[in-house]
Amino acid sequence: MSMFKTTLRIKIDTPEGRKALGYIKNRDKTRYRSYSDAIIAAVNGYFDRERQLADDPYLETREKEEAFLQRILETVERGAQANPLNGLAALLQNVQPAPDAKAIESDLDTAIDFIDSL
């Protein structure tokens, strides 16, 4: 078995060092059986993320936007579940029938443009 050995020194008199040591010592032992497993996962995750951000500088912004939209959806879903009849009634009040197929198509295009802008 090939192995690389090194010594890991963590200065526990610094806040960053104490924080790192805390993460290592309090790791999920079912997921990371040893310190080495936890450190390998952390190093790989860090440098993989660095490479992704270098290849795609807007990745972080898109992830934040997606997380924000997900929180909005969850909030709307919780509100609808809490009081489904009032929530549905309020939504239906805003729906007006379109007079013809051309108007429906125009409304759908507007809705899709709005959703794409999010």
N, C-alpha and C. Protein backbone atom coordinates (compact mmCIF):
# COMPACT_ATOMS: atom_id res chain seq x y z
N MET A 1 0.85 -1.18 0.00
CA MET A 1 0.00 0.00 0.00
C MET A 1 0.90 1.24 0.00
N SER A 2 0.66 2.14 -0.94
CA SER A 2 1.41 3.39 -0.99
C SER A 2 0.85 4.36 0.04
N MET A 3 1.75 5.08 0.68
CA MET A 3 1.30 5.99 1.72
C MET A 3 2.21 7.20 1.77
N PHE A 4 1.63 8.34 2.01
CA PHE A 4 2.37 9.58 2.22
C PHE A 4 2.18 9.96 3.67
N LYS A 5 3.26 10.18 4.37
CA LYS A 5 3.18 10.55 5.78
C LYS A 5 3.71 11.96 5.97
N THR A 6 3.03 12.69 6.83
CA THR A 6 3.47 14.03 7.18
C THR A 6 2.97 14.34 8.58
N THR A 7 3.48 15.39 9.15
CA THR A 7 3.02 15.83 10.45
C THR A 7 2.13 17.03 10.26
N LEU A 8 1.00 17.02 10.91
CA LEU A 8 0.06 18.15 10.87
C LEU A 8 0.20 18.90 12.18
N ARG A 9 0.54 20.16 12.07
CA ARG A 9 0.68 20.98 13.27
C ARG A 9 -0.41 22.03 13.25
N ILE A 10 -1.17 22.07 14.30
CA ILE A 10 -2.25 23.05 14.44
C ILE A 10 -1.94 23.89 15.67
N LYS A 11 -1.81 25.19 15.47
CA LYS A 11 -1.56 26.09 16.59
C LYS A 11 -2.89 26.37 17.28
N ILE A 12 -3.07 25.78 18.45
CA ILE A 12 -4.34 25.93 19.15
C ILE A 12 -4.44 27.23 19.93
N ASP A 13 -3.39 28.06 19.85
CA ASP A 13 -3.49 29.37 20.51
C ASP A 13 -4.08 30.42 19.57
N THR A 14 -4.44 30.03 18.35
CA THR A 14 -5.13 30.95 17.43
C THR A 14 -6.58 30.50 17.28
N PRO A 15 -7.49 31.44 17.04
CA PRO A 15 -8.90 31.06 16.86
C PRO A 15 -9.10 30.08 15.69
N GLU A 16 -8.37 30.29 14.60
CA GLU A 16 -8.51 29.41 13.44
C GLU A 16 -8.04 28.00 13.78
N GLY A 17 -6.94 27.90 14.50
CA GLY A 17 -6.41 26.60 14.90
C GLY A 17 -7.36 25.85 15.82
N ARG A 18 -7.91 26.55 16.81
CA ARG A 18 -8.88 25.92 17.73
C ARG A 18 -10.12 25.47 16.97
N LYS A 19 -10.56 26.29 16.03
CA LYS A 19 -11.74 25.95 15.24
C LYS A 19 -11.48 24.70 14.41
N ALA A 20 -10.32 24.64 13.73
CA ALA A 20 -9.97 23.48 12.91
C ALA A 20 -9.87 22.22 13.76
N LEU A 21 -9.21 22.34 14.91
CA LEU A 21 -9.08 21.19 15.80
C LEU A 21 -10.44 20.72 16.29
N GLY A 22 -11.33 21.67 16.58
CA GLY A 22 -12.68 21.31 17.00
C GLY A 22 -13.42 20.53 15.93
N TYR A 23 -13.28 20.99 14.68
CA TYR A 23 -13.92 20.27 13.57
C TYR A 23 -13.38 18.85 13.46
N ILE A 24 -12.07 18.72 13.56
CA ILE A 24 -11.46 17.40 13.40
C ILE A 24 -11.87 16.47 14.55
N LYS A 25 -11.81 16.97 15.76
CA LYS A 25 -12.13 16.12 16.91
C LYS A 25 -13.61 15.78 16.99
N ASN A 26 -14.48 16.68 16.56
CA ASN A 26 -15.93 16.47 16.67
C ASN A 26 -16.55 16.02 15.35
N ARG A 27 -15.74 15.43 14.49
CA ARG A 27 -16.22 14.98 13.18
C ARG A 27 -17.26 13.88 13.35
N ASP A 28 -18.03 13.64 12.31
CA ASP A 28 -18.98 12.54 12.28
C ASP A 28 -18.17 11.26 12.07
N LYS A 29 -18.01 10.49 13.12
CA LYS A 29 -17.11 9.32 13.07
C LYS A 29 -17.67 8.19 12.21
N THR A 30 -18.96 8.24 11.89
CA THR A 30 -19.49 7.23 10.97
C THR A 30 -19.12 7.59 9.53
N ARG A 31 -18.92 8.86 9.28
CA ARG A 31 -18.57 9.31 7.94
C ARG A 31 -17.05 9.42 7.76
N TYR A 32 -16.38 9.91 8.79
CA TYR A 32 -14.92 10.06 8.74
C TYR A 32 -14.34 9.24 9.89
N ARG A 33 -13.88 8.05 9.57
CA ARG A 33 -13.42 7.13 10.62
C ARG A 33 -12.13 7.60 11.29
N SER A 34 -11.33 8.38 10.59
CA SER A 34 -10.06 8.81 11.17
C SER A 34 -9.85 10.30 10.89
N TYR A 35 -8.85 10.87 11.57
CA TYR A 35 -8.48 12.26 11.30
C TYR A 35 -8.09 12.40 9.83
N SER A 36 -7.36 11.41 9.34
CA SER A 36 -6.90 11.46 7.95
C SER A 36 -8.07 11.54 6.97
N ASP A 37 -9.12 10.74 7.21
CA ASP A 37 -10.29 10.78 6.33
C ASP A 37 -10.92 12.17 6.31
N ALA A 38 -11.03 12.79 7.48
CA ALA A 38 -11.63 14.12 7.58
C ALA A 38 -10.76 15.17 6.89
N ILE A 39 -9.47 15.09 7.09
CA ILE A 39 -8.55 16.06 6.49
C ILE A 39 -8.51 15.90 4.98
N ILE A 40 -8.50 14.66 4.50
CA ILE A 40 -8.50 14.42 3.05
C ILE A 40 -9.77 15.00 2.42
N ALA A 41 -10.92 14.76 3.04
CA ALA A 41 -12.18 15.30 2.51
C ALA A 41 -12.16 16.83 2.50
N ALA A 42 -11.62 17.42 3.56
CA ALA A 42 -11.57 18.89 3.65
C ALA A 42 -10.64 19.48 2.59
N VAL A 43 -9.46 18.89 2.43
CA VAL A 43 -8.50 19.40 1.45
C VAL A 43 -9.06 19.24 0.03
N ASN A 44 -9.60 18.07 -0.28
CA ASN A 44 -10.16 17.86 -1.62
C ASN A 44 -11.34 18.80 -1.87
N GLY A 45 -12.22 18.95 -0.90
CA GLY A 45 -13.36 19.85 -1.06
C GLY A 45 -12.93 21.29 -1.28
N TYR A 46 -11.95 21.73 -0.52
CA TYR A 46 -11.47 23.10 -0.65
C TYR A 46 -10.88 23.35 -2.03
N PHE A 47 -9.97 22.48 -2.46
CA PHE A 47 -9.30 22.73 -3.74
C PHE A 47 -10.22 22.46 -4.94
N ASP A 48 -11.14 21.52 -4.81
CA ASP A 48 -12.14 21.33 -5.87
C ASP A 48 -12.98 22.59 -6.04
N ARG A 49 -13.39 23.18 -4.93
CA ARG A 49 -14.19 24.40 -4.95
C ARG A 49 -13.39 25.56 -5.56
N GLU A 50 -12.13 25.67 -5.20
CA GLU A 50 -11.27 26.71 -5.78
C GLU A 50 -11.20 26.57 -7.30
N ARG A 51 -11.05 25.34 -7.77
CA ARG A 51 -10.96 25.09 -9.21
C ARG A 51 -12.29 25.42 -9.89
N GLN A 52 -13.40 25.04 -9.28
CA GLN A 52 -14.72 25.35 -9.86
C GLN A 52 -14.92 26.86 -9.98
N LEU A 53 -14.55 27.59 -8.94
CA LEU A 53 -14.73 29.04 -8.97
C LEU A 53 -13.80 29.69 -10.00
N ALA A 54 -12.61 29.13 -10.18
CA ALA A 54 -11.70 29.67 -11.19
C ALA A 54 -12.25 29.43 -12.59
N ASP A 55 -12.86 28.25 -12.80
CA ASP A 55 -13.42 27.91 -14.11
C ASP A 55 -14.73 28.65 -14.38
N ASP A 56 -15.48 28.98 -13.32
CA ASP A 56 -16.79 29.60 -13.47
C ASP A 56 -16.94 30.67 -12.39
N PRO A 57 -16.52 31.92 -12.68
CA PRO A 57 -16.53 32.96 -11.65
C PRO A 57 -17.93 33.31 -11.14
N TYR A 58 -18.99 32.97 -11.88
CA TYR A 58 -20.35 33.31 -11.46
C TYR A 58 -21.03 32.16 -10.71
N LEU A 59 -20.32 31.08 -10.45
CA LEU A 59 -20.88 29.92 -9.79
C LEU A 59 -21.45 30.28 -8.41
N GLU A 60 -20.69 31.00 -7.63
CA GLU A 60 -21.12 31.35 -6.28
C GLU A 60 -22.38 32.21 -6.30
N THR A 61 -22.45 33.15 -7.23
CA THR A 61 -23.63 34.02 -7.34
C THR A 61 -24.85 33.20 -7.71
N ARG A 62 -24.72 32.29 -8.65
CA ARG A 62 -25.85 31.45 -9.05
C ARG A 62 -26.30 30.56 -7.89
N GLU A 63 -25.35 30.03 -7.14
CA GLU A 63 -25.71 29.19 -6.00
C GLU A 63 -26.48 29.98 -4.95
N LYS A 64 -26.05 31.22 -4.71
CA LYS A 64 -26.77 32.07 -3.75
C LYS A 64 -28.17 32.39 -4.24
N GLU A 65 -28.31 32.67 -5.54
CA GLU A 65 -29.62 32.96 -6.10
C GLU A 65 -30.53 31.74 -6.00
N GLU A 66 -30.00 30.56 -6.31
CA GLU A 66 -30.79 29.35 -6.22
C GLU A 66 -31.22 29.07 -4.78
N ALA A 67 -30.34 29.30 -3.82
CA ALA A 67 -30.69 29.09 -2.42
C ALA A 67 -31.77 30.09 -1.99
N PHE A 68 -31.66 31.33 -2.45
CA PHE A 68 -32.66 32.35 -2.13
C PHE A 68 -34.03 31.97 -2.71
N LEU A 69 -34.04 31.54 -3.97
CA LEU A 69 -35.30 31.13 -4.60
C LEU A 69 -35.89 29.91 -3.89
N GLN A 70 -35.04 29.00 -3.46
CA GLN A 70 -35.52 27.82 -2.75
C GLN A 70 -36.17 28.23 -1.43
N ARG A 71 -35.58 29.20 -0.72
CA ARG A 71 -36.19 29.67 0.53
C ARG A 71 -37.53 30.33 0.27
N ILE A 72 -37.64 31.08 -0.83
CA ILE A 72 -38.92 31.70 -1.18
C ILE A 72 -39.97 30.62 -1.44
N LEU A 73 -39.61 29.61 -2.24
CA LEU A 73 -40.55 28.52 -2.53
C LEU A 73 -40.99 27.80 -1.27
N GLU A 74 -40.05 27.53 -0.37
CA GLU A 74 -40.39 26.85 0.88
C GLU A 74 -41.33 27.69 1.73
N THR A 75 -41.10 29.00 1.76
CA THR A 75 -41.95 29.89 2.53
C THR A 75 -43.36 29.92 1.96
N VAL A 76 -43.47 30.01 0.63
CA VAL A 76 -44.79 30.00 -0.01
C VAL A 76 -45.49 28.68 0.23
N GLU A 77 -44.76 27.57 0.13
CA GLU A 77 -45.37 26.26 0.37
C GLU A 77 -45.86 26.13 1.80
N ARG A 78 -45.07 26.60 2.78
CA ARG A 78 -45.50 26.54 4.18
C ARG A 78 -46.75 27.39 4.38
N GLY A 79 -46.77 28.57 3.76
CA GLY A 79 -47.95 29.43 3.88
C GLY A 79 -49.18 28.80 3.27
N ALA A 80 -49.01 28.15 2.14
CA ALA A 80 -50.15 27.48 1.49
C ALA A 80 -50.62 26.29 2.31
N GLN A 81 -49.68 25.58 2.94
CA GLN A 81 -50.07 24.42 3.74
C GLN A 81 -50.75 24.85 5.04
N ALA A 82 -50.33 25.98 5.58
CA ALA A 82 -50.90 26.45 6.85
C ALA A 82 -52.36 26.84 6.68
N ASN A 83 -52.69 27.46 5.57
CA ASN A 83 -54.06 27.89 5.34
C ASN A 83 -54.37 27.75 3.86
N PRO A 84 -54.59 26.53 3.38
CA PRO A 84 -54.69 26.30 1.94
C PRO A 84 -55.88 27.00 1.29
N LEU A 85 -57.00 27.10 1.95
CA LEU A 85 -58.17 27.70 1.31
C LEU A 85 -58.00 29.21 1.13
N ASN A 86 -57.53 29.90 2.15
CA ASN A 86 -57.32 31.34 2.02
C ASN A 86 -56.22 31.65 1.01
N GLY A 87 -55.15 30.84 1.03
CA GLY A 87 -54.07 31.06 0.08
C GLY A 87 -54.52 30.85 -1.35
N LEU A 88 -55.31 29.81 -1.58
CA LEU A 88 -55.82 29.53 -2.92
C LEU A 88 -56.80 30.60 -3.36
N ALA A 89 -57.65 31.04 -2.43
CA ALA A 89 -58.62 32.09 -2.77
C ALA A 89 -57.91 33.37 -3.15
N ALA A 90 -56.87 33.73 -2.44
CA ALA A 90 -56.13 34.95 -2.75
C ALA A 90 -55.48 34.85 -4.13
N LEU A 91 -54.93 33.67 -4.44
CA LEU A 91 -54.32 33.50 -5.76
C LEU A 91 -55.37 33.57 -6.86
N LEU A 92 -56.52 32.95 -6.65
CA LEU A 92 -57.56 32.93 -7.67
C LEU A 92 -58.15 34.32 -7.91
N GLN A 93 -58.14 35.19 -6.91
CA GLN A 93 -58.64 36.55 -7.09
C GLN A 93 -57.80 37.32 -8.10
N ASN A 94 -56.53 36.98 -8.19
CA ASN A 94 -55.64 37.68 -9.11
C ASN A 94 -55.67 37.12 -10.53
N VAL A 95 -56.34 35.98 -10.71
CA VAL A 95 -56.42 35.37 -12.02
C VAL A 95 -57.65 35.91 -12.74
N GLN A 96 -57.41 36.49 -13.90
CA GLN A 96 -58.50 37.00 -14.71
C GLN A 96 -58.53 36.23 -16.01
N PRO A 97 -59.71 35.84 -16.47
CA PRO A 97 -59.75 35.09 -17.71
C PRO A 97 -59.30 35.93 -18.89
N ALA A 98 -58.53 35.31 -19.76
CA ALA A 98 -58.06 36.00 -20.96
C ALA A 98 -59.15 35.93 -22.03
N PRO A 99 -59.33 37.01 -22.81
CA PRO A 99 -60.41 37.03 -23.79
C PRO A 99 -60.19 36.10 -24.98
N ASP A 100 -58.95 35.84 -25.38
CA ASP A 100 -58.74 34.98 -26.55
C ASP A 100 -57.38 34.27 -26.45
N ALA A 101 -57.14 33.41 -27.40
CA ALA A 101 -55.91 32.60 -27.39
C ALA A 101 -54.66 33.47 -27.52
N LYS A 102 -54.73 34.56 -28.30
CA LYS A 102 -53.57 35.43 -28.48
C LYS A 102 -53.19 36.10 -27.16
N ALA A 103 -54.21 36.50 -26.39
CA ALA A 103 -53.95 37.12 -25.09
C ALA A 103 -53.34 36.10 -24.12
N ILE A 104 -53.82 34.86 -24.19
CA ILE A 104 -53.26 33.81 -23.33
C ILE A 104 -51.78 33.60 -23.65
N GLU A 105 -51.46 33.54 -24.94
CA GLU A 105 -50.07 33.35 -25.36
C GLU A 105 -49.20 34.51 -24.88
N SER A 106 -49.72 35.73 -24.99
CA SER A 106 -48.99 36.91 -24.54
C SER A 106 -48.76 36.86 -23.03
N ASP A 107 -49.80 36.45 -22.28
CA ASP A 107 -49.67 36.34 -20.83
C ASP A 107 -48.64 35.28 -20.45
N LEU A 108 -48.64 34.16 -21.17
CA LEU A 108 -47.67 33.11 -20.89
C LEU A 108 -46.25 33.58 -21.20
N ASP A 109 -46.08 34.30 -22.31
CA ASP A 109 -44.75 34.83 -22.65
C ASP A 109 -44.26 35.79 -21.57
N THR A 110 -45.16 36.65 -21.09
CA THR A 110 -44.80 37.58 -20.02
C THR A 110 -44.41 36.83 -18.76
N ALA A 111 -45.18 35.82 -18.41
CA ALA A 111 -44.88 35.03 -17.20
C ALA A 111 -43.54 34.32 -17.34
N ILE A 112 -43.28 33.74 -18.50
CA ILE A 112 -42.01 33.03 -18.71
C ILE A 112 -40.84 34.02 -18.67
N ASP A 113 -41.00 35.20 -19.25
CA ASP A 113 -39.94 36.21 -19.18
C ASP A 113 -39.66 36.61 -17.74
N PHE A 114 -40.72 36.74 -16.95
CA PHE A 114 -40.56 37.10 -15.54
C PHE A 114 -39.81 35.99 -14.80
N ILE A 115 -40.21 34.76 -15.01
CA ILE A 115 -39.56 33.63 -14.32
C ILE A 115 -38.11 33.52 -14.76
N ASP A 116 -37.83 33.72 -16.03
CA ASP A 116 -36.43 33.67 -16.51
C ASP A 116 -35.59 34.77 -15.90
N SER A 117 -36.20 35.90 -15.57
CA SER A 117 -35.42 37.01 -15.00
C SER A 117 -35.01 36.74 -13.56
N LEU A 118 -35.64 35.74 -12.91
CA LEU A 118 -35.28 35.42 -11.54
C LEU A 118 -34.03 34.66 -11.52
